[in-house]
Amino acid sequence: MFEIEETVAIEQPVEAVWSFLMDETNEPLWQTTLAEVRRLTHEAMTTGSRVLEVRRFLGRRIETEWEMTECEPPRRSSITSIRAPFAWSGAYTLEPIEGGTQFTARLQGEPGGFFRVAEPVFARIARRELAGNLANLKDVLEAGVGVGLEVSASPQAAVGA
């Protein structure tokens, strides 16, 4: 069994970070191994919502269906795998801090099959990936992507050229 936890400070309000995170179509903007994502339920993201993800990890295509098991806007959410190569669960926690939001992501899992044999390597790679993804999330949100701020496509556009 492995457990991973990473935290990042984001210079955006909790509500903006929450809103961005609760729109699964934003996930490919910051999660590097995510190839496809699709909500399987039609309601707004809440407890009971299900999502299908396809990732590329260690050279493999991994399809996972997960369900949101806890949703406490705008502070906490938890998910658990429904259909995946191994059982896992995760949680997001958002806390207001001076100048923005402290965002913590937790992941725990019990690898099976191929992943069980390679669990120590898998856990190290997953930890690095999570840290990188949180750095990406920080960059995307602080650039204003998905939080209602205009982001220019080029330096010339930013100065009105």
C-alpha atoms as a PDB file:
ATOM      1  CA  MET A   1       0.000   0.000   0.000  1.00  0.00           C
ATOM      2  CA  PHE A   2       1.224   3.489  -0.746  1.00  0.00           C
ATOM      3  CA  GLU A   3       0.177   6.937   0.413  1.00  0.00           C
ATOM      4  CA  ILE A   4       1.189  10.207  -1.230  1.00  0.00           C
ATOM      5  CA  GLU A   5       0.473  13.756  -0.123  1.00  0.00           C
ATOM      6  CA  GLU A   6       1.595  16.997  -1.779  1.00  0.00           C
ATOM      7  CA  THR A   7       0.706  20.616  -0.981  1.00  0.00           C
ATOM      8  CA  VAL A   8       1.043  23.821  -2.976  1.00  0.00           C
ATOM      9  CA  ALA A   9       0.174  27.474  -2.297  1.00  0.00           C
ATOM     10  CA  ILE A  10      -1.806  29.063  -5.144  1.00  0.00           C
ATOM     11  CA  GLU A  11      -2.296  32.813  -5.468  1.00  0.00           C
ATOM     12  CA  GLN A  12      -6.015  32.570  -6.179  1.00  0.00           C
ATOM     13  CA  PRO A  13      -8.998  32.536  -3.800  1.00  0.00           C
ATOM     14  CA  VAL A  14     -10.317  29.193  -2.542  1.00  0.00           C
ATOM     15  CA  GLU A  15     -13.556  29.585  -4.526  1.00  0.00           C
ATOM     16  CA  ALA A  16     -11.679  30.076  -7.821  1.00  0.00           C
ATOM     17  CA  VAL A  17      -9.433  27.059  -7.201  1.00  0.00           C
ATOM     18  CA  TRP A  18     -12.436  24.924  -6.199  1.00  0.00           C
ATOM     19  CA  SER A  19     -14.410  25.943  -9.269  1.00  0.00           C
ATOM     20  CA  PHE A  20     -11.491  25.070 -11.549  1.00  0.00           C
ATOM     21  CA  LEU A  21     -10.943  21.695  -9.882  1.00  0.00           C
ATOM     22  CA  MET A  22     -14.629  20.734 -10.017  1.00  0.00           C
ATOM     23  CA  ASP A  23     -14.684  21.058 -13.816  1.00  0.00           C
ATOM     24  CA  GLU A  24     -13.120  17.809 -14.981  1.00  0.00           C
ATOM     25  CA  THR A  25     -12.549  19.260 -18.466  1.00  0.00           C
ATOM     26  CA  ASN A  26      -9.778  21.380 -16.884  1.00  0.00           C
ATOM     27  CA  GLU A  27      -7.824  18.310 -15.755  1.00  0.00           C
ATOM     28  CA  PRO A  28      -5.780  17.908 -18.980  1.00  0.00           C
ATOM     29  CA  LEU A  29      -4.501  21.478 -18.480  1.00  0.00           C
ATOM     30  CA  TRP A  30      -2.528  20.426 -15.409  1.00  0.00           C
ATOM     31  CA  GLN A  31      -2.389  16.617 -15.200  1.00  0.00           C
ATOM     32  CA  THR A  32       0.382  15.498 -17.548  1.00  0.00           C
ATOM     33  CA  THR A  33      -0.531  11.818 -17.970  1.00  0.00           C
ATOM     34  CA  LEU A  34      -4.232  12.423 -18.616  1.00  0.00           C
ATOM     35  CA  ALA A  35      -5.145  11.661 -22.222  1.00  0.00           C
ATOM     36  CA  GLU A  36      -8.962  11.675 -21.973  1.00  0.00           C
ATOM     37  CA  VAL A  37     -11.578  12.610 -19.390  1.00  0.00           C
ATOM     38  CA  ARG A  38     -15.370  12.324 -19.522  1.00  0.00           C
ATOM     39  CA  ARG A  39     -18.060  12.758 -16.873  1.00  0.00           C
ATOM     40  CA  LEU A  40     -20.394   9.759 -16.890  1.00  0.00           C
ATOM     41  CA  THR A  41     -23.138  11.421 -14.859  1.00  0.00           C
ATOM     42  CA  HIS A  42     -24.997  14.515 -16.003  1.00  0.00           C
ATOM     43  CA  GLU A  43     -25.416  16.517 -12.821  1.00  0.00           C
ATOM     44  CA  ALA A  44     -22.960  19.096 -11.561  1.00  0.00           C
ATOM     45  CA  MET A  45     -19.893  17.565  -9.908  1.00  0.00           C
ATOM     46  CA  THR A  46     -21.033  16.418  -6.453  1.00  0.00           C
ATOM     47  CA  THR A  47     -21.167  13.332  -4.256  1.00  0.00           C
ATOM     48  CA  GLY A  48     -22.068  10.397  -6.514  1.00  0.00           C
ATOM     49  CA  SER A  49     -20.656  11.942  -9.710  1.00  0.00           C
ATOM     50  CA  ARG A  50     -18.656   9.499 -11.841  1.00  0.00           C
ATOM     51  CA  VAL A  51     -15.813  10.238 -14.232  1.00  0.00           C
ATOM     52  CA  LEU A  52     -13.936   8.097 -16.759  1.00  0.00           C
ATOM     53  CA  GLU A  53     -10.249   8.894 -17.284  1.00  0.00           C
ATOM     54  CA  VAL A  54      -7.652   7.462 -19.647  1.00  0.00           C
ATOM     55  CA  ARG A  55      -4.012   8.002 -18.688  1.00  0.00           C
ATOM     56  CA  ARG A  56      -0.647   7.077 -20.119  1.00  0.00           C
ATOM     57  CA  PHE A  57       1.569   5.837 -17.289  1.00  0.00           C
ATOM     58  CA  LEU A  58       4.774   3.795 -17.518  1.00  0.00           C
ATOM     59  CA  GLY A  59       4.074   3.275 -21.207  1.00  0.00           C
ATOM     60  CA  ARG A  60       0.647   1.789 -20.544  1.00  0.00           C
ATOM     61  CA  ARG A  61      -2.855   3.010 -21.342  1.00  0.00           C
ATOM     62  CA  ILE A  62      -4.786   3.001 -18.069  1.00  0.00           C
ATOM     63  CA  GLU A  63      -8.550   3.428 -18.024  1.00  0.00           C
ATOM     64  CA  THR A  64     -10.090   4.326 -14.679  1.00  0.00           C
ATOM     65  CA  GLU A  65     -13.606   5.102 -13.550  1.00  0.00           C
ATOM     66  CA  TRP A  66     -13.933   6.948 -10.248  1.00  0.00           C
ATOM     67  CA  GLU A  67     -16.757   8.254  -8.076  1.00  0.00           C
ATOM     68  CA  MET A  68     -16.842  11.354  -5.897  1.00  0.00           C
ATOM     69  CA  THR A  69     -17.570  10.067  -2.392  1.00  0.00           C
ATOM     70  CA  GLU A  70     -17.398  13.382  -0.535  1.00  0.00           C
ATOM     71  CA  CYS A  71     -18.037  16.941  -1.678  1.00  0.00           C
ATOM     72  CA  GLU A  72     -17.880  19.854   0.756  1.00  0.00           C
ATOM     73  CA  PRO A  73     -17.632  23.015  -1.396  1.00  0.00           C
ATOM     74  CA  PRO A  74     -15.293  24.831  -1.465  1.00  0.00           C
ATOM     75  CA  ARG A  75     -13.041  23.011   1.003  1.00  0.00           C
ATOM     76  CA  ARG A  76     -12.865  19.250   0.464  1.00  0.00           C
ATOM     77  CA  SER A  77     -13.612  16.453  -1.956  1.00  0.00           C
ATOM     78  CA  SER A  78     -12.815  12.747  -1.987  1.00  0.00           C
ATOM     79  CA  ILE A  79     -12.913  10.183  -4.763  1.00  0.00           C
ATOM     80  CA  THR A  80     -12.499   6.429  -4.998  1.00  0.00           C
ATOM     81  CA  SER A  81     -11.865   4.087  -7.893  1.00  0.00           C
ATOM     82  CA  ILE A  82     -14.800   2.079  -9.202  1.00  0.00           C
ATOM     83  CA  ARG A  83     -13.024   0.392 -12.111  1.00  0.00           C
ATOM     84  CA  ALA A  84      -9.217   0.550 -12.283  1.00  0.00           C
ATOM     85  CA  PRO A  85      -6.119  -1.659 -12.497  1.00  0.00           C
ATOM     86  CA  PHE A  86      -5.902  -1.368  -8.700  1.00  0.00           C
ATOM     87  CA  ALA A  87      -7.956   0.074  -5.841  1.00  0.00           C
ATOM     88  CA  TRP A  88      -7.172   3.685  -4.924  1.00  0.00           C
ATOM     89  CA  SER A  89      -8.721   6.740  -3.324  1.00  0.00           C
ATOM     90  CA  GLY A  90      -7.840  10.412  -3.207  1.00  0.00           C
ATOM     91  CA  ALA A  91      -8.800  13.670  -1.567  1.00  0.00           C
ATOM     92  CA  TYR A  92      -8.432  17.386  -2.228  1.00  0.00           C
ATOM     93  CA  THR A  93      -8.344  19.878   0.637  1.00  0.00           C
ATOM     94  CA  LEU A  94      -8.398  23.645   0.113  1.00  0.00           C
ATOM     95  CA  GLU A  95      -7.610  26.106   2.893  1.00  0.00           C
ATOM     96  CA  PRO A  96      -7.539  29.890   2.694  1.00  0.00           C
ATOM     97  CA  ILE A  97      -4.131  31.417   3.374  1.00  0.00           C
ATOM     98  CA  GLU A  98      -2.877  34.966   3.099  1.00  0.00           C
ATOM     99  CA  GLY A  99      -2.790  35.763  -0.605  1.00  0.00           C
ATOM    100  CA  GLY A 100      -4.585  32.666  -1.818  1.00  0.00           C
ATOM    101  CA  THR A 101      -5.204  28.976  -1.223  1.00  0.00           C
ATOM    102  CA  GLN A 102      -3.260  26.093   0.234  1.00  0.00           C
ATOM    103  CA  PHE A 103      -4.162  23.064  -1.865  1.00  0.00           C
ATOM    104  CA  THR A 104      -3.372  19.548  -0.665  1.00  0.00           C
ATOM    105  CA  ALA A 105      -3.832  16.415  -2.759  1.00  0.00           C
ATOM    106  CA  ARG A 106      -3.705  12.959  -1.160  1.00  0.00           C
ATOM    107  CA  LEU A 107      -3.621   9.626  -2.937  1.00  0.00           C
ATOM    108  CA  GLN A 108      -3.527   6.141  -1.489  1.00  0.00           C
ATOM    109  CA  GLY A 109      -3.714   2.837  -3.224  1.00  0.00           C
ATOM    110  CA  GLU A 110      -3.198  -0.875  -3.119  1.00  0.00           C
ATOM    111  CA  PRO A 111      -1.467  -1.823  -6.374  1.00  0.00           C
ATOM    112  CA  GLY A 112      -2.239  -5.165  -7.948  1.00  0.00           C
ATOM    113  CA  GLY A 113      -0.939  -7.113 -10.938  1.00  0.00           C
ATOM    114  CA  PHE A 114       1.848  -5.344 -12.844  1.00  0.00           C
ATOM    115  CA  PHE A 115       1.702  -2.424 -10.397  1.00  0.00           C
ATOM    116  CA  ARG A 116       2.140  -4.666  -7.327  1.00  0.00           C
ATOM    117  CA  VAL A 117       5.432  -6.052  -8.620  1.00  0.00           C
ATOM    118  CA  ALA A 118       6.674  -2.540  -9.349  1.00  0.00           C
ATOM    119  CA  GLU A 119       5.084  -0.844  -6.298  1.00  0.00           C
ATOM    120  CA  PRO A 120       8.236   0.896  -4.945  1.00  0.00           C
ATOM    121  CA  VAL A 121       9.055   2.311  -8.377  1.00  0.00           C
ATOM    122  CA  PHE A 122       5.409   3.082  -9.078  1.00  0.00           C
ATOM    123  CA  ALA A 123       5.039   4.994  -5.792  1.00  0.00           C
ATOM    124  CA  ARG A 124       8.157   7.124  -6.485  1.00  0.00           C
ATOM    125  CA  ILE A 125       6.999   7.937 -10.011  1.00  0.00           C
ATOM    126  CA  ALA A 126       3.459   8.716  -8.807  1.00  0.00           C
ATOM    127  CA  ARG A 127       4.848  11.050  -6.100  1.00  0.00           C
ATOM    128  CA  ARG A 128       6.955  12.944  -8.671  1.00  0.00           C
ATOM    129  CA  GLU A 129       4.005  13.121 -11.046  1.00  0.00           C
ATOM    130  CA  LEU A 130       1.705  14.493  -8.334  1.00  0.00           C
ATOM    131  CA  ALA A 131       4.264  17.141  -7.325  1.00  0.00           C
ATOM    132  CA  GLY A 132       4.684  18.131 -10.987  1.00  0.00           C
ATOM    133  CA  ASN A 133       0.930  18.254 -11.536  1.00  0.00           C
ATOM    134  CA  LEU A 134       0.447  20.539  -8.540  1.00  0.00           C
ATOM    135  CA  ALA A 135       3.183  22.834  -9.879  1.00  0.00           C
ATOM    136  CA  ASN A 136       1.324  22.851 -13.227  1.00  0.00           C
ATOM    137  CA  LEU A 137      -1.963  23.620 -11.453  1.00  0.00           C
ATOM    138  CA  LYS A 138      -0.338  26.552  -9.651  1.00  0.00           C
ATOM    139  CA  ASP A 139       1.071  27.917 -12.923  1.00  0.00           C
ATOM    140  CA  VAL A 140      -2.225  27.551 -14.803  1.00  0.00           C
ATOM    141  CA  LEU A 141      -4.344  29.154 -12.079  1.00  0.00           C
ATOM    142  CA  GLU A 142      -1.913  31.955 -11.325  1.00  0.00           C
ATOM    143  CA  ALA A 143      -1.859  32.760 -15.052  1.00  0.00           C
ATOM    144  CA  GLY A 144      -5.636  33.193 -14.764  1.00  0.00           C
ATOM    145  CA  VAL A 145      -6.597  30.238 -16.959  1.00  0.00           C
ATOM    146  CA  GLY A 146     -10.066  29.014 -16.022  1.00  0.00           C
ATOM    147  CA  VAL A 147     -10.621  31.533 -13.228  1.00  0.00           C
ATOM    148  CA  GLY A 148     -12.273  34.310 -15.216  1.00  0.00           C
ATOM    149  CA  LEU A 149      -9.090  36.234 -16.012  1.00  0.00           C
ATOM    150  CA  GLU A 150      -7.975  37.007 -19.541  1.00  0.00           C
ATOM    151  CA  VAL A 151      -4.627  35.502 -20.503  1.00  0.00           C
ATOM    152  CA  SER A 152      -2.973  36.886 -23.598  1.00  0.00           C
ATOM    153  CA  ALA A 153      -1.629  34.562 -26.252  1.00  0.00           C
ATOM    154  CA  SER A 154       1.470  36.653 -26.917  1.00  0.00           C
ATOM    155  CA  PRO A 155       3.405  39.553 -25.412  1.00  0.00           C
ATOM    156  CA  GLN A 156       2.208  41.758 -28.303  1.00  0.00           C
ATOM    157  CA  ALA A 157      -1.423  40.958 -27.536  1.00  0.00           C
ATOM    158  CA  ALA A 158      -0.836  41.880 -23.900  1.00  0.00           C
ATOM    159  CA  VAL A 159       0.218  45.413 -24.881  1.00  0.00           C
ATOM    160  CA  GLY A 160      -2.469  45.790 -27.513  1.00  0.00           C
ATOM    161  CA  ALA A 161      -0.214  45.533 -30.582  1.00  0.00           C
END
